[in-house]
Amino acid sequence: MDSTRLTKALGYTVGDLLLISAEAFVARVVRTTPQRLLIDWPWWEADPESTNSWDGTVGFPRDPDAHGWLNTPWRLEPDASELQTGDPCFVGIPPTEVRGYLHREVRSSRRLRIPTPAGLRA
């Protein structure tokens, strides 16, 4: 991927403390395995004309102590370990402090900003 490392983007600087959140929306569990569950993602729709094979779902670890929960601000209610196929749940981001640690300008001219939880370092 062609990219350029940036130290500033959209008025933010690497290391800035940011507060992020996303209102919780109702989603449905479409599949479970012993380790993961997949939910219908309420913010995106699969494009049937796209060559991308994404099916409209996003996966989360079932174990609340899994390392995967450290890499995402998203949270599910009830807890992922309690959910079964067909169950409704809420998915959202509670107010969370993060530090911007990487800005990249990607080929599509869209900026990719990857935050990390405030207590963790990149």
N, C-alpha and C. Protein backbone atom coordinates (compact mmCIF):
# COMPACT_ATOMS: atom_id res chain seq x y z
N MET A 1 0.85 -1.17 0.00
CA MET A 1 0.00 0.00 0.00
C MET A 1 0.89 1.23 0.00
N ASP A 2 0.64 2.14 -0.91
CA ASP A 2 1.37 3.40 -0.95
C ASP A 2 0.82 4.32 0.13
N SER A 3 1.68 4.82 0.99
CA SER A 3 1.23 5.73 2.03
C SER A 3 2.37 6.66 2.43
N THR A 4 1.99 7.75 3.06
CA THR A 4 2.96 8.71 3.57
C THR A 4 2.67 8.91 5.04
N ARG A 5 3.67 8.77 5.88
CA ARG A 5 3.47 8.97 7.31
C ARG A 5 3.31 10.46 7.58
N LEU A 6 2.26 10.80 8.30
CA LEU A 6 1.98 12.20 8.64
C LEU A 6 2.10 12.39 10.14
N THR A 7 2.53 13.55 10.58
CA THR A 7 2.54 13.85 12.00
C THR A 7 1.35 14.70 12.40
N LYS A 8 0.67 15.27 11.41
CA LYS A 8 -0.54 16.05 11.67
C LYS A 8 -1.57 15.72 10.60
N ALA A 9 -2.83 15.65 11.00
CA ALA A 9 -3.91 15.43 10.04
C ALA A 9 -5.21 15.93 10.65
N LEU A 10 -5.98 16.64 9.85
CA LEU A 10 -7.29 17.15 10.28
C LEU A 10 -7.21 17.91 11.60
N GLY A 11 -6.09 18.59 11.85
CA GLY A 11 -5.97 19.38 13.06
C GLY A 11 -5.49 18.61 14.27
N TYR A 12 -5.30 17.31 14.16
CA TYR A 12 -4.82 16.50 15.27
C TYR A 12 -3.35 16.17 15.05
N THR A 13 -2.64 16.00 16.15
CA THR A 13 -1.23 15.66 16.11
C THR A 13 -1.03 14.31 16.77
N VAL A 14 -0.08 13.54 16.28
CA VAL A 14 0.25 12.27 16.91
C VAL A 14 0.51 12.51 18.39
N GLY A 15 -0.13 11.72 19.24
CA GLY A 15 0.01 11.87 20.68
C GLY A 15 -1.12 12.64 21.33
N ASP A 16 -1.95 13.35 20.55
CA ASP A 16 -3.08 14.08 21.12
C ASP A 16 -4.02 13.11 21.83
N LEU A 17 -4.57 13.55 22.95
CA LEU A 17 -5.57 12.78 23.68
C LEU A 17 -6.94 13.14 23.10
N LEU A 18 -7.67 12.13 22.66
CA LEU A 18 -8.97 12.33 22.03
C LEU A 18 -10.03 11.57 22.80
N LEU A 19 -11.26 12.05 22.76
CA LEU A 19 -12.39 11.34 23.34
C LEU A 19 -13.27 10.90 22.19
N ILE A 20 -13.46 9.58 22.05
CA ILE A 20 -14.29 9.06 20.98
C ILE A 20 -15.51 8.36 21.58
N SER A 21 -16.58 8.28 20.80
CA SER A 21 -17.77 7.54 21.21
C SER A 21 -18.63 7.31 19.98
N ALA A 22 -19.51 6.34 20.07
CA ALA A 22 -20.51 6.08 19.02
C ALA A 22 -21.76 5.58 19.71
N GLU A 23 -22.87 6.22 19.39
CA GLU A 23 -24.15 5.82 19.96
C GLU A 23 -24.39 4.33 19.71
N ALA A 24 -24.92 3.65 20.72
CA ALA A 24 -25.21 2.22 20.58
C ALA A 24 -26.44 2.01 19.70
N PHE A 25 -26.33 1.04 18.80
CA PHE A 25 -27.44 0.66 17.94
C PHE A 25 -27.76 -0.81 18.15
N VAL A 26 -28.98 -1.18 17.85
CA VAL A 26 -29.39 -2.58 17.95
C VAL A 26 -28.82 -3.34 16.76
N ALA A 27 -28.26 -4.50 17.05
CA ALA A 27 -27.74 -5.40 16.02
C ALA A 27 -28.24 -6.80 16.34
N ARG A 28 -27.99 -7.74 15.44
CA ARG A 28 -28.43 -9.13 15.64
C ARG A 28 -27.23 -10.05 15.46
N VAL A 29 -27.12 -11.03 16.35
CA VAL A 29 -26.07 -12.04 16.23
C VAL A 29 -26.47 -13.00 15.12
N VAL A 30 -25.61 -13.13 14.11
CA VAL A 30 -25.95 -14.00 12.97
C VAL A 30 -25.22 -15.34 13.01
N ARG A 31 -24.12 -15.43 13.76
CA ARG A 31 -23.41 -16.71 13.87
C ARG A 31 -22.50 -16.68 15.08
N THR A 32 -22.34 -17.83 15.71
CA THR A 32 -21.42 -17.94 16.84
C THR A 32 -20.53 -19.17 16.66
N THR A 33 -19.34 -19.07 17.22
CA THR A 33 -18.44 -20.21 17.36
C THR A 33 -18.01 -20.19 18.82
N PRO A 34 -17.30 -21.19 19.29
CA PRO A 34 -16.85 -21.13 20.68
C PRO A 34 -15.96 -19.91 20.98
N GLN A 35 -15.24 -19.40 19.96
CA GLN A 35 -14.33 -18.28 20.19
C GLN A 35 -14.88 -16.92 19.76
N ARG A 36 -15.77 -16.88 18.77
CA ARG A 36 -16.21 -15.60 18.19
C ARG A 36 -17.70 -15.58 17.96
N LEU A 37 -18.22 -14.35 17.78
CA LEU A 37 -19.58 -14.19 17.29
C LEU A 37 -19.57 -13.14 16.20
N LEU A 38 -20.51 -13.27 15.28
CA LEU A 38 -20.65 -12.32 14.17
C LEU A 38 -21.99 -11.62 14.31
N ILE A 39 -21.96 -10.29 14.14
CA ILE A 39 -23.21 -9.52 14.19
C ILE A 39 -23.41 -8.80 12.86
N ASP A 40 -24.69 -8.57 12.54
CA ASP A 40 -25.01 -7.69 11.40
C ASP A 40 -24.54 -6.30 11.79
N TRP A 41 -23.69 -5.70 10.96
CA TRP A 41 -23.10 -4.40 11.29
C TRP A 41 -24.06 -3.29 10.91
N PRO A 42 -24.55 -2.49 11.89
CA PRO A 42 -25.59 -1.51 11.60
C PRO A 42 -25.13 -0.27 10.84
N TRP A 43 -23.83 -0.06 10.67
CA TRP A 43 -23.36 1.16 10.02
C TRP A 43 -23.02 1.00 8.55
N TRP A 44 -22.84 -0.21 8.08
CA TRP A 44 -22.48 -0.44 6.68
C TRP A 44 -23.44 -1.43 6.07
N GLU A 45 -23.52 -1.43 4.75
CA GLU A 45 -24.30 -2.42 4.02
C GLU A 45 -23.40 -3.09 3.01
N ALA A 46 -23.59 -4.39 2.83
CA ALA A 46 -22.83 -5.11 1.80
C ALA A 46 -23.31 -4.64 0.43
N ASP A 47 -22.39 -4.44 -0.48
CA ASP A 47 -22.70 -4.02 -1.84
C ASP A 47 -22.69 -5.25 -2.74
N PRO A 48 -23.87 -5.70 -3.20
CA PRO A 48 -23.92 -6.92 -4.01
C PRO A 48 -23.18 -6.80 -5.34
N GLU A 49 -22.93 -5.58 -5.81
CA GLU A 49 -22.22 -5.39 -7.08
C GLU A 49 -20.70 -5.28 -6.89
N SER A 50 -20.25 -5.28 -5.65
CA SER A 50 -18.83 -5.15 -5.37
C SER A 50 -18.11 -6.49 -5.55
N THR A 51 -16.83 -6.42 -5.91
CA THR A 51 -16.02 -7.64 -5.97
C THR A 51 -15.56 -8.05 -4.57
N ASN A 52 -15.78 -7.19 -3.58
CA ASN A 52 -15.47 -7.50 -2.19
C ASN A 52 -16.51 -8.51 -1.70
N SER A 53 -16.06 -9.54 -1.03
CA SER A 53 -16.98 -10.59 -0.60
C SER A 53 -17.54 -10.38 0.81
N TRP A 54 -17.42 -9.17 1.36
CA TRP A 54 -17.91 -8.91 2.72
C TRP A 54 -19.41 -9.15 2.78
N ASP A 55 -19.85 -9.84 3.83
CA ASP A 55 -21.26 -10.23 3.94
C ASP A 55 -22.09 -9.35 4.86
N GLY A 56 -21.54 -8.24 5.34
CA GLY A 56 -22.30 -7.33 6.19
C GLY A 56 -22.16 -7.62 7.68
N THR A 57 -21.27 -8.54 8.05
CA THR A 57 -21.10 -8.88 9.45
C THR A 57 -19.72 -8.45 9.95
N VAL A 58 -19.63 -8.28 11.26
CA VAL A 58 -18.35 -7.99 11.93
C VAL A 58 -18.24 -8.95 13.10
N GLY A 59 -17.04 -9.49 13.32
CA GLY A 59 -16.82 -10.47 14.39
C GLY A 59 -16.19 -9.88 15.63
N PHE A 60 -16.53 -10.47 16.76
CA PHE A 60 -15.98 -10.08 18.06
C PHE A 60 -15.63 -11.34 18.85
N PRO A 61 -14.62 -11.24 19.75
CA PRO A 61 -14.30 -12.39 20.60
C PRO A 61 -15.45 -12.65 21.58
N ARG A 62 -15.68 -13.93 21.90
CA ARG A 62 -16.69 -14.27 22.90
C ARG A 62 -16.14 -14.10 24.32
N ASP A 63 -14.85 -14.33 24.48
CA ASP A 63 -14.21 -14.23 25.80
C ASP A 63 -13.98 -12.76 26.14
N PRO A 64 -14.58 -12.26 27.23
CA PRO A 64 -14.43 -10.84 27.57
C PRO A 64 -12.99 -10.45 27.91
N ASP A 65 -12.14 -11.43 28.21
CA ASP A 65 -10.74 -11.15 28.53
C ASP A 65 -9.82 -11.36 27.34
N ALA A 66 -10.37 -11.65 26.16
CA ALA A 66 -9.56 -11.90 24.97
C ALA A 66 -8.79 -10.64 24.56
N HIS A 67 -7.59 -10.85 24.04
CA HIS A 67 -6.74 -9.74 23.60
C HIS A 67 -7.44 -8.87 22.55
N GLY A 68 -8.30 -9.47 21.73
CA GLY A 68 -9.01 -8.72 20.70
C GLY A 68 -9.81 -7.54 21.22
N TRP A 69 -10.26 -7.60 22.47
CA TRP A 69 -11.01 -6.48 23.04
C TRP A 69 -10.10 -5.30 23.35
N LEU A 70 -8.78 -5.51 23.44
CA LEU A 70 -7.85 -4.40 23.66
C LEU A 70 -7.63 -3.60 22.38
N ASN A 71 -7.94 -4.21 21.24
CA ASN A 71 -7.67 -3.58 19.95
C ASN A 71 -8.87 -2.87 19.35
N THR A 72 -9.96 -2.78 20.08
CA THR A 72 -11.16 -2.13 19.55
C THR A 72 -11.88 -1.36 20.64
N PRO A 73 -12.42 -0.20 20.32
CA PRO A 73 -13.22 0.52 21.31
C PRO A 73 -14.67 0.04 21.34
N TRP A 74 -15.09 -0.78 20.37
CA TRP A 74 -16.47 -1.23 20.29
C TRP A 74 -16.81 -2.12 21.47
N ARG A 75 -18.03 -2.01 21.97
CA ARG A 75 -18.52 -2.85 23.07
C ARG A 75 -19.90 -3.36 22.72
N LEU A 76 -20.19 -4.55 23.24
CA LEU A 76 -21.49 -5.18 23.03
C LEU A 76 -22.21 -5.30 24.36
N GLU A 77 -23.53 -5.17 24.32
CA GLU A 77 -24.38 -5.44 25.49
C GLU A 77 -25.56 -6.27 25.00
N PRO A 78 -25.87 -7.39 25.66
CA PRO A 78 -25.12 -7.96 26.77
C PRO A 78 -23.74 -8.42 26.33
N ASP A 79 -22.96 -8.87 27.29
CA ASP A 79 -21.59 -9.32 27.03
C ASP A 79 -21.59 -10.40 25.95
N ALA A 80 -20.56 -10.39 25.10
CA ALA A 80 -20.45 -11.33 23.98
C ALA A 80 -20.51 -12.79 24.44
N SER A 81 -20.02 -13.08 25.64
CA SER A 81 -20.02 -14.46 26.13
C SER A 81 -21.43 -14.97 26.41
N GLU A 82 -22.40 -14.06 26.54
CA GLU A 82 -23.79 -14.44 26.85
C GLU A 82 -24.67 -14.56 25.61
N LEU A 83 -24.18 -14.12 24.46
CA LEU A 83 -25.02 -14.04 23.26
C LEU A 83 -25.00 -15.33 22.44
N GLN A 84 -26.15 -15.62 21.82
CA GLN A 84 -26.30 -16.79 20.96
C GLN A 84 -26.84 -16.33 19.60
N THR A 85 -26.73 -17.18 18.60
CA THR A 85 -27.24 -16.87 17.27
C THR A 85 -28.71 -16.45 17.35
N GLY A 86 -29.04 -15.34 16.70
CA GLY A 86 -30.40 -14.82 16.69
C GLY A 86 -30.68 -13.79 17.76
N ASP A 87 -29.83 -13.69 18.77
CA ASP A 87 -30.06 -12.74 19.85
C ASP A 87 -29.85 -11.30 19.37
N PRO A 88 -30.67 -10.37 19.88
CA PRO A 88 -30.39 -8.95 19.64
C PRO A 88 -29.32 -8.48 20.63
N CYS A 89 -28.59 -7.45 20.26
CA CYS A 89 -27.61 -6.86 21.17
C CYS A 89 -27.45 -5.39 20.79
N PHE A 90 -26.79 -4.66 21.65
CA PHE A 90 -26.41 -3.29 21.35
C PHE A 90 -24.93 -3.28 21.02
N VAL A 91 -24.53 -2.49 20.04
CA VAL A 91 -23.12 -2.30 19.71
C VAL A 91 -22.86 -0.80 19.63
N GLY A 92 -21.79 -0.36 20.27
CA GLY A 92 -21.44 1.05 20.27
C GLY A 92 -20.09 1.27 20.91
N ILE A 93 -19.69 2.52 21.01
CA ILE A 93 -18.43 2.88 21.67
C ILE A 93 -18.78 3.80 22.84
N PRO A 94 -18.58 3.34 24.08
CA PRO A 94 -18.78 4.26 25.20
C PRO A 94 -17.69 5.33 25.15
N PRO A 95 -17.91 6.50 25.76
CA PRO A 95 -16.87 7.53 25.75
C PRO A 95 -15.53 6.92 26.19
N THR A 96 -14.54 7.02 25.31
CA THR A 96 -13.24 6.36 25.52
C THR A 96 -12.12 7.32 25.15
N GLU A 97 -11.15 7.48 26.06
CA GLU A 97 -9.98 8.31 25.75
C GLU A 97 -8.98 7.48 24.96
N VAL A 98 -8.50 8.05 23.86
CA VAL A 98 -7.49 7.39 23.03
C VAL A 98 -6.42 8.41 22.66
N ARG A 99 -5.26 7.93 22.28
CA ARG A 99 -4.20 8.80 21.77
C ARG A 99 -3.99 8.48 20.30
N GLY A 100 -4.01 9.52 19.48
CA GLY A 100 -3.69 9.32 18.07
C GLY A 100 -2.22 8.96 17.96
N TYR A 101 -1.92 7.84 17.32
CA TYR A 101 -0.51 7.47 17.21
C TYR A 101 -0.03 7.26 15.80
N LEU A 102 -0.93 7.29 14.83
CA LEU A 102 -0.48 7.07 13.46
C LEU A 102 -1.47 7.72 12.51
N HIS A 103 -0.96 8.52 11.60
CA HIS A 103 -1.77 9.08 10.52
C HIS A 103 -1.12 8.64 9.23
N ARG A 104 -1.90 8.15 8.31
CA ARG A 104 -1.35 7.77 7.01
C ARG A 104 -2.25 8.31 5.91
N GLU A 105 -1.62 8.82 4.89
CA GLU A 105 -2.34 9.23 3.68
C GLU A 105 -2.27 8.04 2.75
N VAL A 106 -3.41 7.46 2.42
CA VAL A 106 -3.42 6.27 1.58
C VAL A 106 -3.76 6.64 0.15
N ARG A 107 -3.50 5.73 -0.77
CA ARG A 107 -3.66 6.00 -2.19
C ARG A 107 -5.01 6.60 -2.56
N SER A 108 -6.05 6.21 -1.88
CA SER A 108 -7.38 6.70 -2.23
C SER A 108 -7.61 8.14 -1.78
N SER A 109 -6.60 8.76 -1.20
CA SER A 109 -6.67 10.13 -0.67
C SER A 109 -7.54 10.23 0.57
N ARG A 110 -7.93 9.10 1.13
CA ARG A 110 -8.65 9.11 2.40
C ARG A 110 -7.63 9.01 3.51
N ARG A 111 -7.87 9.68 4.60
CA ARG A 111 -6.95 9.60 5.73
C ARG A 111 -7.36 8.44 6.62
N LEU A 112 -6.38 7.69 7.06
CA LEU A 112 -6.59 6.59 7.98
C LEU A 112 -6.00 7.00 9.31
N ARG A 113 -6.83 7.10 10.32
CA ARG A 113 -6.36 7.48 11.64
C ARG A 113 -6.57 6.29 12.56
N ILE A 114 -5.51 5.84 13.19
CA ILE A 114 -5.59 4.67 14.04
C ILE A 114 -5.31 5.10 15.47
N PRO A 115 -6.35 5.14 16.33
CA PRO A 115 -6.12 5.52 17.72
C PRO A 115 -5.74 4.30 18.55
N THR A 116 -5.19 4.55 19.72
CA THR A 116 -4.90 3.50 20.68
C THR A 116 -5.47 3.95 22.02
N PRO A 117 -5.96 3.01 22.85
CA PRO A 117 -6.46 3.42 24.17
C PRO A 117 -5.41 4.24 24.91
N ALA A 118 -5.86 5.22 25.68
CA ALA A 118 -4.95 6.18 26.30
C ALA A 118 -3.90 5.53 27.18
N GLY A 119 -4.21 4.41 27.81
CA GLY A 119 -3.26 3.76 28.70
C GLY A 119 -2.23 2.91 27.99
N LEU A 120 -2.40 2.67 26.70
CA LEU A 120 -1.48 1.82 25.95
C LEU A 120 -0.59 2.67 25.06
N ARG A 121 0.59 2.19 24.76
CA ARG A 121 1.49 2.89 23.84
C ARG A 121 1.66 2.06 22.59
N ALA A 122 1.83 2.72 21.48
CA ALA A 122 2.03 2.02 20.21
C ALA A 122 3.41 1.41 20.15
